[in-house]
Amino acid sequence: MKLSEFELDVMQLLWKYEPCPVNQIHSLLSEHKKVAYTTVKTIIDRLEKKNAIERCGQQGRAIIYQSKVAQETLSKQASPGFIQRFFRGDSRHMIAHFIEEEELNEADIDYLQNLLKNKKSNK
């Protein structure tokens, strides 16, 4: 399933706040960028047609939506395109960028070290 960046933004909100109606998604999106309610509704309709989300109830006249696709599923599909687009296909640069730019605590560093250790032992 291929999703646009805007569709992924909506999915991120659904995963975090689901189940929720379109007006809640619109409000959350509007905190960061100017977007019309009708645009959000169009994206919701597209996601529903792609079977990424589904209707799960109703509050008055508002339809409530929830995701049908796990975040991990879309993350795996989005990763290659993301790495290509922002890091010219070089995952080392991406990993280095996040390690250098993010504030990591000891638990984060331990987690990353364990991931690398496991990756190395599986080779």
PDB file of N, CA and C in Angstrom:
ATOM      1  N   MET A   1       0.845  -1.171   0.000  1.00  0.00           N
ATOM      2  CA  MET A   1       0.000   0.000   0.000  1.00  0.00           C
ATOM      3  C   MET A   1       0.894   1.238   0.000  1.00  0.00           C
ATOM      4  N   LYS A   2       0.704   2.083  -0.969  1.00  0.00           N
ATOM      5  CA  LYS A   2       1.502   3.299  -1.093  1.00  0.00           C
ATOM      6  C   LYS A   2       0.666   4.479  -0.609  1.00  0.00           C
ATOM      7  N   LEU A   3       1.229   5.244   0.331  1.00  0.00           N
ATOM      8  CA  LEU A   3       0.521   6.390   0.887  1.00  0.00           C
ATOM      9  C   LEU A   3       1.333   7.657   0.686  1.00  0.00           C
ATOM     10  N   SER A   4       0.619   8.756   0.467  1.00  0.00           N
ATOM     11  CA  SER A   4       1.275  10.056   0.347  1.00  0.00           C
ATOM     12  C   SER A   4       1.731  10.515   1.734  1.00  0.00           C
ATOM     13  N   GLU A   5       2.549  11.563   1.760  1.00  0.00           N
ATOM     14  CA  GLU A   5       3.007  12.092   3.046  1.00  0.00           C
ATOM     15  C   GLU A   5       1.835  12.575   3.888  1.00  0.00           C
ATOM     16  N   PHE A   6       0.862  13.213   3.247  1.00  0.00           N
ATOM     17  CA  PHE A   6      -0.305  13.708   3.978  1.00  0.00           C
ATOM     18  C   PHE A   6      -1.124  12.534   4.523  1.00  0.00           C
ATOM     19  N   GLU A   7      -1.274  11.487   3.738  1.00  0.00           N
ATOM     20  CA  GLU A   7      -1.982  10.296   4.205  1.00  0.00           C
ATOM     21  C   GLU A   7      -1.249   9.675   5.392  1.00  0.00           C
ATOM     22  N   LEU A   8       0.073   9.662   5.341  1.00  0.00           N
ATOM     23  CA  LEU A   8       0.851   9.148   6.465  1.00  0.00           C
ATOM     24  C   LEU A   8       0.694  10.020   7.709  1.00  0.00           C
ATOM     25  N   ASP A   9       0.594  11.331   7.511  1.00  0.00           N
ATOM     26  CA  ASP A   9       0.344  12.230   8.649  1.00  0.00           C
ATOM     27  C   ASP A   9      -0.972  11.880   9.327  1.00  0.00           C
ATOM     28  N   VAL A  10      -1.991  11.643   8.527  1.00  0.00           N
ATOM     29  CA  VAL A  10      -3.303  11.284   9.067  1.00  0.00           C
ATOM     30  C   VAL A  10      -3.232   9.928   9.776  1.00  0.00           C
ATOM     31  N   MET A  11      -2.541   8.976   9.175  1.00  0.00           N
ATOM     32  CA  MET A  11      -2.398   7.658   9.802  1.00  0.00           C
ATOM     33  C   MET A  11      -1.681   7.770  11.149  1.00  0.00           C
ATOM     34  N   GLN A  12      -0.638   8.601  11.206  1.00  0.00           N
ATOM     35  CA  GLN A  12       0.080   8.788  12.474  1.00  0.00           C
ATOM     36  C   GLN A  12      -0.875   9.257  13.567  1.00  0.00           C
ATOM     37  N   LEU A  13      -1.744  10.197  13.222  1.00  0.00           N
ATOM     38  CA  LEU A  13      -2.712  10.700  14.198  1.00  0.00           C
ATOM     39  C   LEU A  13      -3.719   9.623  14.591  1.00  0.00           C
ATOM     40  N   LEU A  14      -4.162   8.853  13.612  1.00  0.00           N
ATOM     41  CA  LEU A  14      -5.108   7.781  13.935  1.00  0.00           C
ATOM     42  C   LEU A  14      -4.475   6.749  14.861  1.00  0.00           C
ATOM     43  N   TRP A  15      -3.251   6.356  14.579  1.00  0.00           N
ATOM     44  CA  TRP A  15      -2.585   5.382  15.443  1.00  0.00           C
ATOM     45  C   TRP A  15      -2.455   5.908  16.873  1.00  0.00           C
ATOM     46  N   LYS A  16      -2.251   7.196  17.000  1.00  0.00           N
ATOM     47  CA  LYS A  16      -2.060   7.781  18.330  1.00  0.00           C
ATOM     48  C   LYS A  16      -3.376   8.020  19.070  1.00  0.00           C
ATOM     49  N   TYR A  17      -4.414   8.448  18.351  1.00  0.00           N
ATOM     50  CA  TYR A  17      -5.642   8.884  19.006  1.00  0.00           C
ATOM     51  C   TYR A  17      -6.879   8.045  18.683  1.00  0.00           C
ATOM     52  N   GLU A  18      -6.711   6.960  17.952  1.00  0.00           N
ATOM     53  CA  GLU A  18      -7.887   6.215  17.513  1.00  0.00           C
ATOM     54  C   GLU A  18      -8.634   5.586  18.670  1.00  0.00           C
ATOM     55  N   PRO A  19      -9.907   5.347  18.451  1.00  0.00           N
ATOM     56  CA  PRO A  19     -10.726   5.777  17.313  1.00  0.00           C
ATOM     57  C   PRO A  19     -11.076   7.255  17.443  1.00  0.00           C
ATOM     58  N   CYS A  20     -11.225   7.938  16.298  1.00  0.00           N
ATOM     59  CA  CYS A  20     -11.586   9.351  16.351  1.00  0.00           C
ATOM     60  C   CYS A  20     -12.301   9.795  15.066  1.00  0.00           C
ATOM     61  N   PRO A  21     -13.068  10.869  15.180  1.00  0.00           N
ATOM     62  CA  PRO A  21     -13.782  11.419  14.024  1.00  0.00           C
ATOM     63  C   PRO A  21     -12.892  12.354  13.208  1.00  0.00           C
ATOM     64  N   VAL A  22     -13.341  12.674  12.018  1.00  0.00           N
ATOM     65  CA  VAL A  22     -12.590  13.542  11.110  1.00  0.00           C
ATOM     66  C   VAL A  22     -12.318  14.909  11.739  1.00  0.00           C
ATOM     67  N   ASN A  23     -13.293  15.462  12.448  1.00  0.00           N
ATOM     68  CA  ASN A  23     -13.089  16.801  13.012  1.00  0.00           C
ATOM     69  C   ASN A  23     -11.949  16.818  14.041  1.00  0.00           C
ATOM     70  N   GLN A  24     -11.737  15.722  14.760  1.00  0.00           N
ATOM     71  CA  GLN A  24     -10.615  15.646  15.691  1.00  0.00           C
ATOM     72  C   GLN A  24      -9.286  15.577  14.931  1.00  0.00           C
ATOM     73  N   ILE A  25      -9.255  14.787  13.873  1.00  0.00           N
ATOM     74  CA  ILE A  25      -8.051  14.690  13.048  1.00  0.00           C
ATOM     75  C   ILE A  25      -7.733  16.060  12.447  1.00  0.00           C
ATOM     76  N   HIS A  26      -8.770  16.734  11.954  1.00  0.00           N
ATOM     77  CA  HIS A  26      -8.597  18.076  11.387  1.00  0.00           C
ATOM     78  C   HIS A  26      -8.028  19.036  12.430  1.00  0.00           C
ATOM     79  N   SER A  27      -8.563  19.009  13.635  1.00  0.00           N
ATOM     80  CA  SER A  27      -8.068  19.890  14.698  1.00  0.00           C
ATOM     81  C   SER A  27      -6.603  19.619  15.013  1.00  0.00           C
ATOM     82  N   LEU A  28      -6.253  18.350  15.099  1.00  0.00           N
ATOM     83  CA  LEU A  28      -4.863  17.986  15.398  1.00  0.00           C
ATOM     84  C   LEU A  28      -3.915  18.411  14.282  1.00  0.00           C
ATOM     85  N   LEU A  29      -4.325  18.208  13.028  1.00  0.00           N
ATOM     86  CA  LEU A  29      -3.501  18.628  11.897  1.00  0.00           C
ATOM     87  C   LEU A  29      -3.362  20.145  11.839  1.00  0.00           C
ATOM     88  N   SER A  30      -4.438  20.838  12.183  1.00  0.00           N
ATOM     89  CA  SER A  30      -4.450  22.305  12.116  1.00  0.00           C
ATOM     90  C   SER A  30      -3.508  22.946  13.128  1.00  0.00           C
ATOM     91  N   GLU A  31      -3.088  22.196  14.133  1.00  0.00           N
ATOM     92  CA  GLU A  31      -2.134  22.735  15.104  1.00  0.00           C
ATOM     93  C   GLU A  31      -0.777  22.995  14.462  1.00  0.00           C
ATOM     94  N   HIS A  32      -0.474  22.270  13.379  1.00  0.00           N
ATOM     95  CA  HIS A  32       0.853  22.363  12.762  1.00  0.00           C
ATOM     96  C   HIS A  32       0.855  22.972  11.364  1.00  0.00           C
ATOM     97  N   LYS A  33      -0.279  22.913  10.679  1.00  0.00           N
ATOM     98  CA  LYS A  33      -0.337  23.506   9.346  1.00  0.00           C
ATOM     99  C   LYS A  33      -1.780  23.877   9.015  1.00  0.00           C
ATOM    100  N   LYS A  34      -1.902  24.840   8.115  1.00  0.00           N
ATOM    101  CA  LYS A  34      -3.226  25.288   7.708  1.00  0.00           C
ATOM    102  C   LYS A  34      -3.782  24.288   6.702  1.00  0.00           C
ATOM    103  N   VAL A  35      -4.908  23.681   7.047  1.00  0.00           N
ATOM    104  CA  VAL A  35      -5.518  22.678   6.181  1.00  0.00           C
ATOM    105  C   VAL A  35      -7.042  22.751   6.332  1.00  0.00           C
ATOM    106  N   ALA A  36      -7.733  22.669   5.216  1.00  0.00           N
ATOM    107  CA  ALA A  36      -9.191  22.740   5.228  1.00  0.00           C
ATOM    108  C   ALA A  36      -9.790  21.412   5.692  1.00  0.00           C
ATOM    109  N   TYR A  37     -10.929  21.517   6.348  1.00  0.00           N
ATOM    110  CA  TYR A  37     -11.647  20.316   6.800  1.00  0.00           C
ATOM    111  C   TYR A  37     -11.950  19.400   5.618  1.00  0.00           C
ATOM    112  N   THR A  38     -12.362  19.977   4.494  1.00  0.00           N
ATOM    113  CA  THR A  38     -12.715  19.171   3.325  1.00  0.00           C
ATOM    114  C   THR A  38     -11.507  18.403   2.780  1.00  0.00           C
ATOM    115  N   THR A  39     -10.327  18.984   2.901  1.00  0.00           N
ATOM    116  CA  THR A  39      -9.112  18.290   2.469  1.00  0.00           C
ATOM    117  C   THR A  39      -8.858  17.072   3.349  1.00  0.00           C
ATOM    118  N   VAL A  40      -9.026  17.237   4.644  1.00  0.00           N
ATOM    119  CA  VAL A  40      -8.838  16.122   5.574  1.00  0.00           C
ATOM    120  C   VAL A  40      -9.868  15.035   5.291  1.00  0.00           C
ATOM    121  N   LYS A  41     -11.102  15.441   5.032  1.00  0.00           N
ATOM    122  CA  LYS A  41     -12.158  14.462   4.728  1.00  0.00           C
ATOM    123  C   LYS A  41     -11.825  13.698   3.444  1.00  0.00           C
ATOM    124  N   THR A  42     -11.283  14.374   2.450  1.00  0.00           N
ATOM    125  CA  THR A  42     -10.875  13.713   1.202  1.00  0.00           C
ATOM    126  C   THR A  42      -9.780  12.675   1.475  1.00  0.00           C
ATOM    127  N   ILE A  43      -8.822  13.027   2.315  1.00  0.00           N
ATOM    128  CA  ILE A  43      -7.743  12.095   2.659  1.00  0.00           C
ATOM    129  C   ILE A  43      -8.318  10.892   3.414  1.00  0.00           C
ATOM    130  N   ILE A  44      -9.228  11.133   4.318  1.00  0.00           N
ATOM    131  CA  ILE A  44      -9.884  10.039   5.053  1.00  0.00           C
ATOM    132  C   ILE A  44     -10.595   9.110   4.074  1.00  0.00           C
ATOM    133  N   ASP A  45     -11.310   9.683   3.120  1.00  0.00           N
ATOM    134  CA  ASP A  45     -12.012   8.871   2.115  1.00  0.00           C
ATOM    135  C   ASP A  45     -11.028   8.031   1.308  1.00  0.00           C
ATOM    136  N   ARG A  46      -9.895   8.614   0.929  1.00  0.00           N
ATOM    137  CA  ARG A  46      -8.874   7.873   0.176  1.00  0.00           C
ATOM    138  C   ARG A  46      -8.311   6.721   1.002  1.00  0.00           C
ATOM    139  N   LEU A  47      -8.036   6.999   2.264  1.00  0.00           N
ATOM    140  CA  LEU A  47      -7.498   5.961   3.148  1.00  0.00           C
ATOM    141  C   LEU A  47      -8.500   4.822   3.338  1.00  0.00           C
ATOM    142  N   GLU A  48      -9.757   5.185   3.378  1.00  0.00           N
ATOM    143  CA  GLU A  48     -10.803   4.163   3.505  1.00  0.00           C
ATOM    144  C   GLU A  48     -10.864   3.306   2.234  1.00  0.00           C
ATOM    145  N   LYS A  49     -10.752   3.930   1.067  1.00  0.00           N
ATOM    146  CA  LYS A  49     -10.745   3.186  -0.196  1.00  0.00           C
ATOM    147  C   LYS A  49      -9.525   2.284  -0.312  1.00  0.00           C
ATOM    148  N   LYS A  50      -8.406   2.689   0.272  1.00  0.00           N
ATOM    149  CA  LYS A  50      -7.179   1.891   0.236  1.00  0.00           C
ATOM    150  C   LYS A  50      -7.176   0.805   1.319  1.00  0.00           C
ATOM    151  N   ASN A  51      -8.256   0.729   2.087  1.00  0.00           N
ATOM    152  CA  ASN A  51      -8.380  -0.229   3.196  1.00  0.00           C
ATOM    153  C   ASN A  51      -7.342  -0.025   4.286  1.00  0.00           C
ATOM    154  N   ALA A  52      -6.906   1.207   4.464  1.00  0.00           N
ATOM    155  CA  ALA A  52      -5.970   1.521   5.540  1.00  0.00           C
ATOM    156  C   ALA A  52      -6.715   1.844   6.829  1.00  0.00           C
ATOM    157  N   ILE A  53      -7.957   2.342   6.676  1.00  0.00           N
ATOM    158  CA  ILE A  53      -8.788   2.677   7.833  1.00  0.00           C
ATOM    159  C   ILE A  53     -10.197   2.154   7.600  1.00  0.00           C
ATOM    160  N   GLU A  54     -10.981   2.170   8.676  1.00  0.00           N
ATOM    161  CA  GLU A  54     -12.371   1.735   8.555  1.00  0.00           C
ATOM    162  C   GLU A  54     -13.237   2.526   9.524  1.00  0.00           C
ATOM    163  N   ARG A  55     -14.520   2.557   9.194  1.00  0.00           N
ATOM    164  CA  ARG A  55     -15.500   3.176  10.074  1.00  0.00           C
ATOM    165  C   ARG A  55     -15.775   2.209  11.218  1.00  0.00           C
ATOM    166  N   CYS A  56     -15.806   2.745  12.430  1.00  0.00           N
ATOM    167  CA  CYS A  56     -16.028   1.854  13.567  1.00  0.00           C
ATOM    168  C   CYS A  56     -17.138   2.332  14.485  1.00  0.00           C
ATOM    169  N   GLY A  57     -17.809   3.399  14.103  1.00  0.00           N
ATOM    170  CA  GLY A  57     -18.906   3.890  14.929  1.00  0.00           C
ATOM    171  C   GLY A  57     -19.337   5.270  14.498  1.00  0.00           C
ATOM    172  N   GLN A  58     -20.204   5.845  15.320  1.00  0.00           N
ATOM    173  CA  GLN A  58     -20.724   7.159  15.008  1.00  0.00           C
ATOM    174  C   GLN A  58     -21.019   7.899  16.308  1.00  0.00           C
ATOM    175  N   GLN A  59     -20.727   9.209  16.339  1.00  0.00           N
ATOM    176  CA  GLN A  59     -21.062  10.095  17.444  1.00  0.00           C
ATOM    177  C   GLN A  59     -21.950  11.177  16.874  1.00  0.00           C
ATOM    178  N   GLY A  60     -23.231  11.082  17.091  1.00  0.00           N
ATOM    179  CA  GLY A  60     -24.145  12.016  16.451  1.00  0.00           C
ATOM    180  C   GLY A  60     -24.059  11.824  14.948  1.00  0.00           C
ATOM    181  N   ARG A  61     -23.692  12.900  14.236  1.00  0.00           N
ATOM    182  CA  ARG A  61     -23.531  12.792  12.782  1.00  0.00           C
ATOM    183  C   ARG A  61     -22.095  12.467  12.367  1.00  0.00           C
ATOM    184  N   ALA A  62     -21.165  12.513  13.324  1.00  0.00           N
ATOM    185  CA  ALA A  62     -19.752  12.283  13.014  1.00  0.00           C
ATOM    186  C   ALA A  62     -19.427  10.795  12.957  1.00  0.00           C
ATOM    187  N   ILE A  63     -18.751  10.397  11.891  1.00  0.00           N
ATOM    188  CA  ILE A  63     -18.313   9.007  11.730  1.00  0.00           C
ATOM    189  C   ILE A  63     -16.961   8.852  12.421  1.00  0.00           C
ATOM    190  N   ILE A  64     -16.817   7.762  13.150  1.00  0.00           N
ATOM    191  CA  ILE A  64     -15.585   7.474  13.874  1.00  0.00           C
ATOM    192  C   ILE A  64     -14.759   6.485  13.051  1.00  0.00           C
ATOM    193  N   TYR A  65     -13.450   6.742  12.968  1.00  0.00           N
ATOM    194  CA  TYR A  65     -12.547   5.902  12.173  1.00  0.00           C
ATOM    195  C   TYR A  65     -11.462   5.288  13.051  1.00  0.00           C
ATOM    196  N   GLN A  66     -10.973   4.147  12.593  1.00  0.00           N
ATOM    197  CA  GLN A  66      -9.823   3.506  13.221  1.00  0.00           C
ATOM    198  C   GLN A  66      -8.964   2.887  12.125  1.00  0.00           C
ATOM    199  N   SER A  67      -7.717   2.628  12.456  1.00  0.00           N
ATOM    200  CA  SER A  67      -6.808   2.062  11.461  1.00  0.00           C
ATOM    201  C   SER A  67      -7.081   0.577  11.253  1.00  0.00           C
ATOM    202  N   LYS A  68      -6.801   0.112  10.061  1.00  0.00           N
ATOM    203  CA  LYS A  68      -6.870  -1.316   9.736  1.00  0.00           C
ATOM    204  C   LYS A  68      -5.477  -1.878   9.489  1.00  0.00           C
ATOM    205  N   VAL A  69      -4.503  -0.983   9.393  1.00  0.00           N
ATOM    206  CA  VAL A  69      -3.134  -1.366   9.074  1.00  0.00           C
ATOM    207  C   VAL A  69      -2.243  -0.994  10.256  1.00  0.00           C
ATOM    208  N   ALA A  70      -1.396  -1.917  10.666  1.00  0.00           N
ATOM    209  CA  ALA A  70      -0.480  -1.648  11.775  1.00  0.00           C
ATOM    210  C   ALA A  70       0.595  -0.662  11.347  1.00  0.00           C
ATOM    211  N   GLN A  71       1.024   0.153  12.278  1.00  0.00           N
ATOM    212  CA  GLN A  71       2.064   1.143  11.993  1.00  0.00           C
ATOM    213  C   GLN A  71       3.344   0.465  11.509  1.00  0.00           C
ATOM    214  N   GLU A  72       3.679  -0.673  12.079  1.00  0.00           N
ATOM    215  CA  GLU A  72       4.898  -1.384  11.690  1.00  0.00           C
ATOM    216  C   GLU A  72       4.855  -1.808  10.224  1.00  0.00           C
ATOM    217  N   THR A  73       3.689  -2.190   9.749  1.00  0.00           N
ATOM    218  CA  THR A  73       3.534  -2.608   8.358  1.00  0.00           C
ATOM    219  C   THR A  73       3.882  -1.469   7.408  1.00  0.00           C
ATOM    220  N   LEU A  74       3.330  -0.296   7.677  1.00  0.00           N
ATOM    221  CA  LEU A  74       3.605   0.849   6.803  1.00  0.00           C
ATOM    222  C   LEU A  74       5.019   1.376   6.995  1.00  0.00           C
ATOM    223  N   SER A  75       5.565   1.270   8.190  1.00  0.00           N
ATOM    224  CA  SER A  75       6.938   1.721   8.425  1.00  0.00           C
ATOM    225  C   SER A  75       7.911   0.932   7.571  1.00  0.00           C
ATOM    226  N   LYS A  76       7.710  -0.370   7.485  1.00  0.00           N
ATOM    227  CA  LYS A  76       8.596  -1.208   6.674  1.00  0.00           C
ATOM    228  C   LYS A  76       8.498  -0.832   5.200  1.00  0.00           C
ATOM    229  N   GLN A  77       7.283  -0.503   4.743  1.00  0.00           N
ATOM    230  CA  GLN A  77       7.095  -0.140   3.346  1.00  0.00           C
ATOM    231  C   GLN A  77       7.641   1.245   3.046  1.00  0.00           C
ATOM    232  N   ALA A  78       7.575   2.148   4.015  1.00  0.00           N
ATOM    233  CA  ALA A  78       7.992   3.531   3.792  1.00  0.00           C
ATOM    234  C   ALA A  78       9.498   3.715   3.927  1.00  0.00           C
ATOM    235  N   SER A  79      10.164   2.861   4.676  1.00  0.00           N
ATOM    236  CA  SER A  79      11.587   3.041   4.960  1.00  0.00           C
ATOM    237  C   SER A  79      12.466   3.171   3.725  1.00  0.00           C
ATOM    238  N   PRO A  80      12.382   2.265   2.738  1.00  0.00           N
ATOM    239  CA  PRO A  80      13.274   2.411   1.575  1.00  0.00           C
ATOM    240  C   PRO A  80      13.099   3.740   0.838  1.00  0.00           C
ATOM    241  N   GLY A  81      11.876   4.173   0.647  1.00  0.00           N
ATOM    242  CA  GLY A  81      11.635   5.442  -0.037  1.00  0.00           C
ATOM    243  C   GLY A  81      12.129   6.622   0.771  1.00  0.00           C
ATOM    244  N   PHE A  82      11.939   6.552   2.076  1.00  0.00           N
ATOM    245  CA  PHE A  82      12.399   7.609   2.966  1.00  0.00           C
ATOM    246  C   PHE A  82      13.922   7.719   2.926  1.00  0.00           C
ATOM    247  N   ILE A  83      14.589   6.592   3.039  1.00  0.00           N
ATOM    248  CA  ILE A  83      16.050   6.580   3.018  1.00  0.00           C
ATOM    249  C   ILE A  83      16.568   7.104   1.680  1.00  0.00           C
ATOM    250  N   GLN A  84      15.929   6.700   0.602  1.00  0.00           N
ATOM    251  CA  GLN A  84      16.349   7.159  -0.730  1.00  0.00           C
ATOM    252  C   GLN A  84      16.129   8.656  -0.879  1.00  0.00           C
ATOM    253  N   ARG A  85      14.984   9.132  -0.455  1.00  0.00           N
ATOM    254  CA  ARG A  85      14.625  10.535  -0.651  1.00  0.00           C
ATOM    255  C   ARG A  85      15.480  11.476   0.185  1.00  0.00           C
ATOM    256  N   PHE A  86      15.703  11.140   1.454  1.00  0.00           N
ATOM    257  CA  PHE A  86      16.382  12.068   2.348  1.00  0.00           C
ATOM    258  C   PHE A  86      17.868  11.787   2.557  1.00  0.00           C
ATOM    259  N   PHE A  87      18.291  10.552   2.302  1.00  0.00           N
ATOM    260  CA  PHE A  87      19.679  10.199   2.572  1.00  0.00           C
ATOM    261  C   PHE A  87      20.358   9.538   1.378  1.00  0.00           C
ATOM    262  N   ARG A  88      19.785   9.745   0.192  1.00  0.00           N
ATOM    263  CA  ARG A  88      20.330   9.221  -1.069  1.00  0.00           C
ATOM    264  C   ARG A  88      20.610   7.718  -1.003  1.00  0.00           C
ATOM    265  N   GLY A  89      19.761   7.015  -0.277  1.00  0.00           N
ATOM    266  CA  GLY A  89      19.856   5.567  -0.220  1.00  0.00           C
ATOM    267  C   GLY A  89      20.888   5.022   0.745  1.00  0.00           C
ATOM    268  N   ASP A  90      21.562   5.886   1.470  1.00  0.00           N
ATOM    269  CA  ASP A  90      22.614   5.439   2.380  1.00  0.00           C
ATOM    270  C   ASP A  90      22.089   5.401   3.815  1.00  0.00           C
ATOM    271  N   SER A  91      21.777   4.198   4.285  1.00  0.00           N
ATOM    272  CA  SER A  91      21.209   4.053   5.619  1.00  0.00           C
ATOM    273  C   SER A  91      22.190   4.469   6.719  1.00  0.00           C
ATOM    274  N   ARG A  92      23.493   4.355   6.441  1.00  0.00           N
ATOM    275  CA  ARG A  92      24.481   4.775   7.450  1.00  0.00           C
ATOM    276  C   ARG A  92      24.344   6.261   7.768  1.00  0.00           C
ATOM    277  N   HIS A  93      24.125   7.067   6.729  1.00  0.00           N
ATOM    278  CA  HIS A  93      23.958   8.503   6.950  1.00  0.00           C
ATOM    279  C   HIS A  93      22.686   8.785   7.746  1.00  0.00           C
ATOM    280  N   MET A  94      21.638   8.032   7.466  1.00  0.00           N
ATOM    281  CA  MET A  94      20.391   8.218   8.194  1.00  0.00           C
ATOM    282  C   MET A  94      20.590   7.884   9.671  1.00  0.00           C
ATOM    283  N   ILE A  95      21.192   6.752   9.956  1.00  0.00           N
ATOM    284  CA  ILE A  95      21.406   6.337  11.338  1.00  0.00           C
ATOM    285  C   ILE A  95      22.299   7.341  12.056  1.00  0.00           C
ATOM    286  N   ALA A  96      23.378   7.750  11.401  1.00  0.00           N
ATOM    287  CA  ALA A  96      24.288   8.731  11.995  1.00  0.00           C
ATOM    288  C   ALA A  96      23.568  10.046  12.277  1.00  0.00           C
ATOM    289  N   HIS A  97      22.743  10.473  11.336  1.00  0.00           N
ATOM    290  CA  HIS A  97      21.985  11.717  11.511  1.00  0.00           C
ATOM    291  C   HIS A  97      21.113  11.652  12.758  1.00  0.00           C
ATOM    292  N   PHE A  98      20.368  10.580  12.925  1.00  0.00           N
ATOM    293  CA  PHE A  98      19.473  10.473  14.077  1.00  0.00           C
ATOM    294  C   PHE A  98      20.247  10.353  15.391  1.00  0.00           C
ATOM    295  N   ILE A  99      21.350   9.644  15.380  1.00  0.00           N
ATOM    296  CA  ILE A  99      22.146   9.515  16.599  1.00  0.00           C
ATOM    297  C   ILE A  99      22.750  10.868  16.983  1.00  0.00           C
ATOM    298  N   GLU A 100      23.229  11.613  15.992  1.00  0.00           N
ATOM    299  CA  GLU A 100      23.849  12.904  16.269  1.00  0.00           C
ATOM    300  C   GLU A 100      22.818  13.976  16.654  1.00  0.00           C
ATOM    301  N   GLU A 101      21.650  13.936  16.041  1.00  0.00           N
ATOM    302  CA  GLU A 101      20.673  15.005  16.247  1.00  0.00           C
ATOM    303  C   GLU A 101      19.725  14.785  17.426  1.00  0.00           C
ATOM    304  N   GLU A 102      19.463  13.558  17.774  1.00  0.00           N
ATOM    305  CA  GLU A 102      18.526  13.267  18.859  1.00  0.00           C
ATOM    306  C   GLU A 102      19.225  13.334  20.206  1.00  0.00           C
ATOM    307  N   GLU A 103      18.483  13.762  21.215  1.00  0.00           N
ATOM    308  CA  GLU A 103      18.991  13.704  22.579  1.00  0.00           C
ATOM    309  C   GLU A 103      18.706  12.306  23.101  1.00  0.00           C
ATOM    310  N   LEU A 104      19.758  11.549  23.334  1.00  0.00           N
ATOM    311  CA  LEU A 104      19.618  10.169  23.765  1.00  0.00           C
ATOM    312  C   LEU A 104      20.009  10.041  25.231  1.00  0.00           C
ATOM    313  N   ASN A 105      19.163   9.356  25.990  1.00  0.00           N
ATOM    314  CA  ASN A 105      19.524   9.071  27.378  1.00  0.00           C
ATOM    315  C   ASN A 105      20.224   7.713  27.436  1.00  0.00           C
ATOM    316  N   GLU A 106      20.625   7.302  28.613  1.00  0.00           N
ATOM    317  CA  GLU A 106      21.360   6.039  28.765  1.00  0.00           C
ATOM    318  C   GLU A 106      20.538   4.850  28.275  1.00  0.00           C
ATOM    319  N   ALA A 107      19.240   4.850  28.567  1.00  0.00           N
ATOM    320  CA  ALA A 107      18.383   3.745  28.134  1.00  0.00           C
ATOM    321  C   ALA A 107      18.330   3.672  26.607  1.00  0.00           C
ATOM    322  N   ASP A 108      18.248   4.840  25.946  1.00  0.00           N
ATOM    323  CA  ASP A 108      18.246   4.876  24.474  1.00  0.00           C
ATOM    324  C   ASP A 108      19.544   4.308  23.914  1.00  0.00           C
ATOM    325  N   ILE A 109      20.659   4.731  24.497  1.00  0.00           N
ATOM    326  CA  ILE A 109      21.970   4.276  24.028  1.00  0.00           C
ATOM    327  C   ILE A 109      22.119   2.770  24.234  1.00  0.00           C
ATOM    328  N   ASP A 110      21.691   2.278  25.401  1.00  0.00           N
ATOM    329  CA  ASP A 110      21.739   0.832  25.669  1.00  0.00           C
ATOM    330  C   ASP A 110      20.891   0.067  24.659  1.00  0.00           C
ATOM    331  N   TYR A 111      19.715   0.594  24.372  1.00  0.00           N
ATOM    332  CA  TYR A 111      18.814  -0.045  23.409  1.00  0.00           C
ATOM    333  C   TYR A 111      19.473  -0.135  22.033  1.00  0.00           C
ATOM    334  N   LEU A 112      20.048   0.966  21.583  1.00  0.00           N
ATOM    335  CA  LEU A 112      20.708   0.992  20.272  1.00  0.00           C
ATOM    336  C   LEU A 112      21.915   0.059  20.232  1.00  0.00           C
ATOM    337  N   GLN A 113      22.672   0.037  21.316  1.00  0.00           N
ATOM    338  CA  GLN A 113      23.825  -0.865  21.368  1.00  0.00           C
ATOM    339  C   GLN A 113      23.381  -2.330  21.298  1.00  0.00           C
ATOM    340  N   ASN A 114      22.287  -2.662  21.980  1.00  0.00           N
ATOM    341  CA  ASN A 114      21.761  -4.031  21.927  1.00  0.00           C
ATOM    342  C   ASN A 114      21.271  -4.388  20.525  1.00  0.00           C
ATOM    343  N   LEU A 115      20.633  -3.431  19.859  1.00  0.00           N
ATOM    344  CA  LEU A 115      20.195  -3.680  18.480  1.00  0.00           C
ATOM    345  C   LEU A 115      21.389  -3.994  17.582  1.00  0.00           C
ATOM    346  N   LEU A 116      22.421  -3.196  17.697  1.00  0.00           N
ATOM    347  CA  LEU A 116      23.624  -3.408  16.886  1.00  0.00           C
ATOM    348  C   LEU A 116      24.299  -4.733  17.232  1.00  0.00           C
ATOM    349  N   LYS A 117      24.362  -5.041  18.505  1.00  0.00           N
ATOM    350  CA  LYS A 117      24.973  -6.301  18.948  1.00  0.00           C
ATOM    351  C   LYS A 117      24.198  -7.494  18.377  1.00  0.00           C
ATOM    352  N   ASN A 118      22.870  -7.445  18.445  1.00  0.00           N
ATOM    353  CA  ASN A 118      22.037  -8.522  17.899  1.00  0.00           C
ATOM    354  C   ASN A 118      22.170  -8.629  16.381  1.00  0.00           C
ATOM    355  N   LYS A 119      22.231  -7.499  15.734  1.00  0.00           N
ATOM    356  CA  LYS A 119      22.374  -7.465  14.280  1.00  0.00           C
ATOM    357  C   LYS A 119      23.705  -8.103  13.879  1.00  0.00           C
ATOM    358  N   LYS A 120      24.750  -7.773  14.616  1.00  0.00           N
ATOM    359  CA  LYS A 120      26.077  -8.304  14.323  1.00  0.00           C
ATOM    360  C   LYS A 120      26.143  -9.816  14.571  1.00  0.00           C
ATOM    361  N   SER A 121      25.513 -10.281  15.629  1.00  0.00           N
ATOM    362  CA  SER A 121      25.559 -11.706  15.942  1.00  0.00           C
ATOM    363  C   SER A 121      24.708 -12.531  14.987  1.00  0.00           C
ATOM    364  N   ASN A 122      23.722 -11.910  14.343  1.00  0.00           N
ATOM    365  CA  ASN A 122      22.878 -12.618  13.352  1.00  0.00           C
ATOM    366  C   ASN A 122      23.501 -12.676  11.976  1.00  0.00           C
ATOM    367  N   LYS A 123      24.612 -12.013  11.771  1.00  0.00           N
ATOM    368  CA  LYS A 123      25.283 -12.020  10.448  1.00  0.00           C
ATOM    369  C   LYS A 123      26.155 -13.223  10.296  1.00  0.00           C
TER     370      LYS A 123
END
